[in-house]
Amino acid sequence: MTTFGSAPCIIGIGGAVRAGSSTEKALACILRRAGALGARTRIFGGEFLAKLPLFDPRPAESTPEQLELVEATRGADGVIISSPGYHGSISGVMKIALDTVEFAAKDDVPNFHGHPVGVIVTAYGWRATGL
């Protein structure tokens, strides 16, 4: 676990590919509040997540974006995950991000191990709930 001085580092992962999504706005709002309380924060929003390649568990070289996300979560003191609700589940870009965090690390320790994790879900309409 890495801190910057006495300030904890909180990473936000989420949003939607669409710029200005309510999901990413909610995540940014929470990270601003964490920053106001003294935390160091970093957001990996929809624009960043859209650069991640489709997940493939076969051995291959990781992209710079995959490595950046893995290293940031590895060094964080806490993680906030924010996803729109899509048909009762998380969005595709969030699924790819979570797969990347776990499998691109190429080690035996789950990347969120020992980290507090918060979750934000946004949804529009009853269909997003999967009912």
Protein backbone atom coordinates (compact mmCIF):
# COMPACT_ATOMS: atom_id res chain seq x y z
CA MET A 1 0.00 0.00 0.00
CA THR A 2 1.40 3.38 -1.03
CA THR A 3 0.54 6.73 0.43
CA PHE A 4 1.82 10.14 -0.52
CA GLY A 5 2.99 11.48 2.83
CA SER A 6 0.05 11.00 5.12
CA ALA A 7 -2.51 11.37 2.33
CA PRO A 8 -4.11 8.13 1.10
CA CYS A 9 -4.30 7.50 -2.63
CA ILE A 10 -7.80 6.75 -3.96
CA ILE A 11 -8.22 5.49 -7.53
CA GLY A 12 -11.51 5.81 -9.40
CA ILE A 13 -12.22 3.41 -12.26
CA GLY A 14 -15.33 3.89 -14.32
CA GLY A 15 -17.64 5.81 -16.45
CA ALA A 16 -18.97 5.20 -19.90
CA VAL A 17 -17.43 5.74 -23.30
CA ARG A 18 -19.85 8.63 -23.86
CA ALA A 19 -18.28 11.91 -22.73
CA GLY A 20 -20.11 13.52 -19.82
CA SER A 21 -21.81 10.32 -18.66
CA SER A 22 -23.66 10.44 -15.36
CA THR A 23 -21.60 7.46 -14.21
CA GLU A 24 -18.32 9.30 -14.66
CA LYS A 25 -19.78 12.48 -13.15
CA ALA A 26 -20.78 10.53 -10.02
CA LEU A 27 -17.28 9.07 -9.76
CA ALA A 28 -15.65 12.48 -10.24
CA CYS A 29 -17.91 13.93 -7.53
CA ILE A 30 -16.84 11.28 -5.01
CA LEU A 31 -13.17 11.73 -5.89
CA ARG A 32 -13.48 15.52 -5.48
CA ARG A 33 -14.90 14.95 -2.01
CA ALA A 34 -12.09 12.53 -1.16
CA GLY A 35 -9.62 15.16 -2.39
CA ALA A 36 -11.28 17.80 -0.23
CA LEU A 37 -10.79 15.48 2.74
CA GLY A 38 -7.07 15.24 1.98
CA ALA A 39 -6.75 12.19 -0.27
CA ARG A 40 -4.73 12.05 -3.46
CA THR A 41 -7.03 10.93 -6.26
CA ARG A 42 -6.83 9.71 -9.82
CA ILE A 43 -9.61 8.84 -12.23
CA PHE A 44 -9.52 6.29 -15.01
CA GLY A 45 -12.65 7.39 -16.88
CA GLY A 46 -14.49 6.18 -19.92
CA GLU A 47 -12.07 7.74 -22.40
CA PHE A 48 -9.16 5.88 -20.80
CA LEU A 49 -11.10 2.62 -20.43
CA ALA A 50 -12.07 2.70 -24.12
CA LYS A 51 -8.34 2.40 -24.95
CA LEU A 52 -8.03 -0.95 -23.17
CA PRO A 53 -7.95 -3.89 -25.57
CA LEU A 54 -10.51 -6.67 -25.38
CA PHE A 55 -9.33 -8.98 -22.67
CA ASP A 56 -7.46 -12.09 -23.77
CA PRO A 57 -6.04 -14.32 -21.00
CA ARG A 58 -3.42 -15.89 -23.27
CA PRO A 59 0.12 -14.74 -22.54
CA ALA A 60 0.93 -11.55 -24.41
CA GLU A 61 2.61 -8.23 -23.89
CA SER A 62 0.50 -5.80 -21.91
CA THR A 63 -0.31 -2.44 -23.46
CA PRO A 64 0.90 0.77 -21.80
CA GLU A 65 -2.70 1.48 -20.73
CA GLN A 66 -3.05 -1.95 -19.14
CA LEU A 67 0.20 -1.50 -17.24
CA GLU A 68 -0.78 2.00 -16.13
CA LEU A 69 -4.09 0.77 -14.71
CA VAL A 70 -2.53 -2.23 -12.98
CA GLU A 71 0.26 -0.19 -11.39
CA ALA A 72 -2.13 2.54 -10.24
CA THR A 73 -4.49 0.08 -8.55
CA ARG A 74 -1.56 -1.81 -7.05
CA GLY A 75 -0.29 1.42 -5.45
CA ALA A 76 -3.67 2.73 -4.30
CA ASP A 77 -4.96 2.73 -0.75
CA GLY A 78 -8.56 2.46 -1.93
CA VAL A 79 -10.50 1.94 -5.15
CA ILE A 80 -13.89 3.21 -6.28
CA ILE A 81 -15.52 1.37 -9.18
CA SER A 82 -18.29 3.14 -11.09
CA SER A 83 -20.37 1.48 -13.78
CA PRO A 84 -23.61 2.08 -15.56
CA GLY A 85 -26.06 -0.77 -15.10
CA TYR A 86 -26.44 -2.63 -18.40
CA HIS A 87 -29.04 -5.37 -18.51
CA GLY A 88 -28.53 -6.31 -14.87
CA SER A 89 -24.74 -6.25 -15.03
CA ILE A 90 -21.78 -3.91 -15.45
CA SER A 91 -20.78 -2.31 -18.74
CA GLY A 92 -18.41 -4.00 -21.16
CA VAL A 93 -15.64 -1.43 -20.64
CA MET A 94 -15.85 -2.00 -16.87
CA LYS A 95 -15.66 -5.77 -17.33
CA ILE A 96 -12.56 -5.34 -19.49
CA ALA A 97 -11.03 -2.98 -16.90
CA LEU A 98 -11.62 -5.42 -14.04
CA ASP A 99 -10.28 -8.35 -16.07
CA THR A 100 -7.23 -6.25 -16.94
CA VAL A 101 -6.56 -5.37 -13.31
CA GLU A 102 -6.64 -9.02 -12.28
CA PHE A 103 -4.92 -10.75 -15.18
CA ALA A 104 -2.49 -8.18 -16.56
CA ALA A 105 -0.82 -8.10 -13.14
CA LYS A 106 0.69 -11.55 -13.84
CA ASP A 107 1.15 -12.40 -10.17
CA ASP A 108 -0.62 -14.48 -7.55
CA VAL A 109 -1.97 -11.62 -5.44
CA PRO A 110 -5.39 -10.28 -6.47
CA ASN A 111 -4.94 -6.62 -7.29
CA PHE A 112 -7.65 -5.36 -4.91
CA HIS A 113 -6.40 -7.55 -2.06
CA GLY A 114 -6.37 -5.57 1.18
CA HIS A 115 -7.93 -2.48 -0.43
CA PRO A 116 -11.25 -0.98 0.57
CA VAL A 117 -13.44 -0.89 -2.55
CA GLY A 118 -16.45 1.33 -3.10
CA VAL A 119 -19.00 0.77 -5.84
CA ILE A 120 -21.22 3.25 -7.72
CA VAL A 121 -23.92 2.05 -10.10
CA THR A 122 -26.00 4.35 -12.24
CA ALA A 123 -28.91 3.25 -14.37
CA TYR A 124 -31.67 4.69 -16.50
CA GLY A 125 -35.02 2.96 -16.53
CA TRP A 126 -36.21 -0.40 -15.32
CA ARG A 127 -34.46 -2.37 -18.09
CA ALA A 128 -31.05 -1.51 -16.65
CA THR A 129 -31.89 -3.53 -13.55
CA GLY A 130 -32.22 -6.76 -15.52
CA LEU A 131 -35.72 -7.51 -14.26
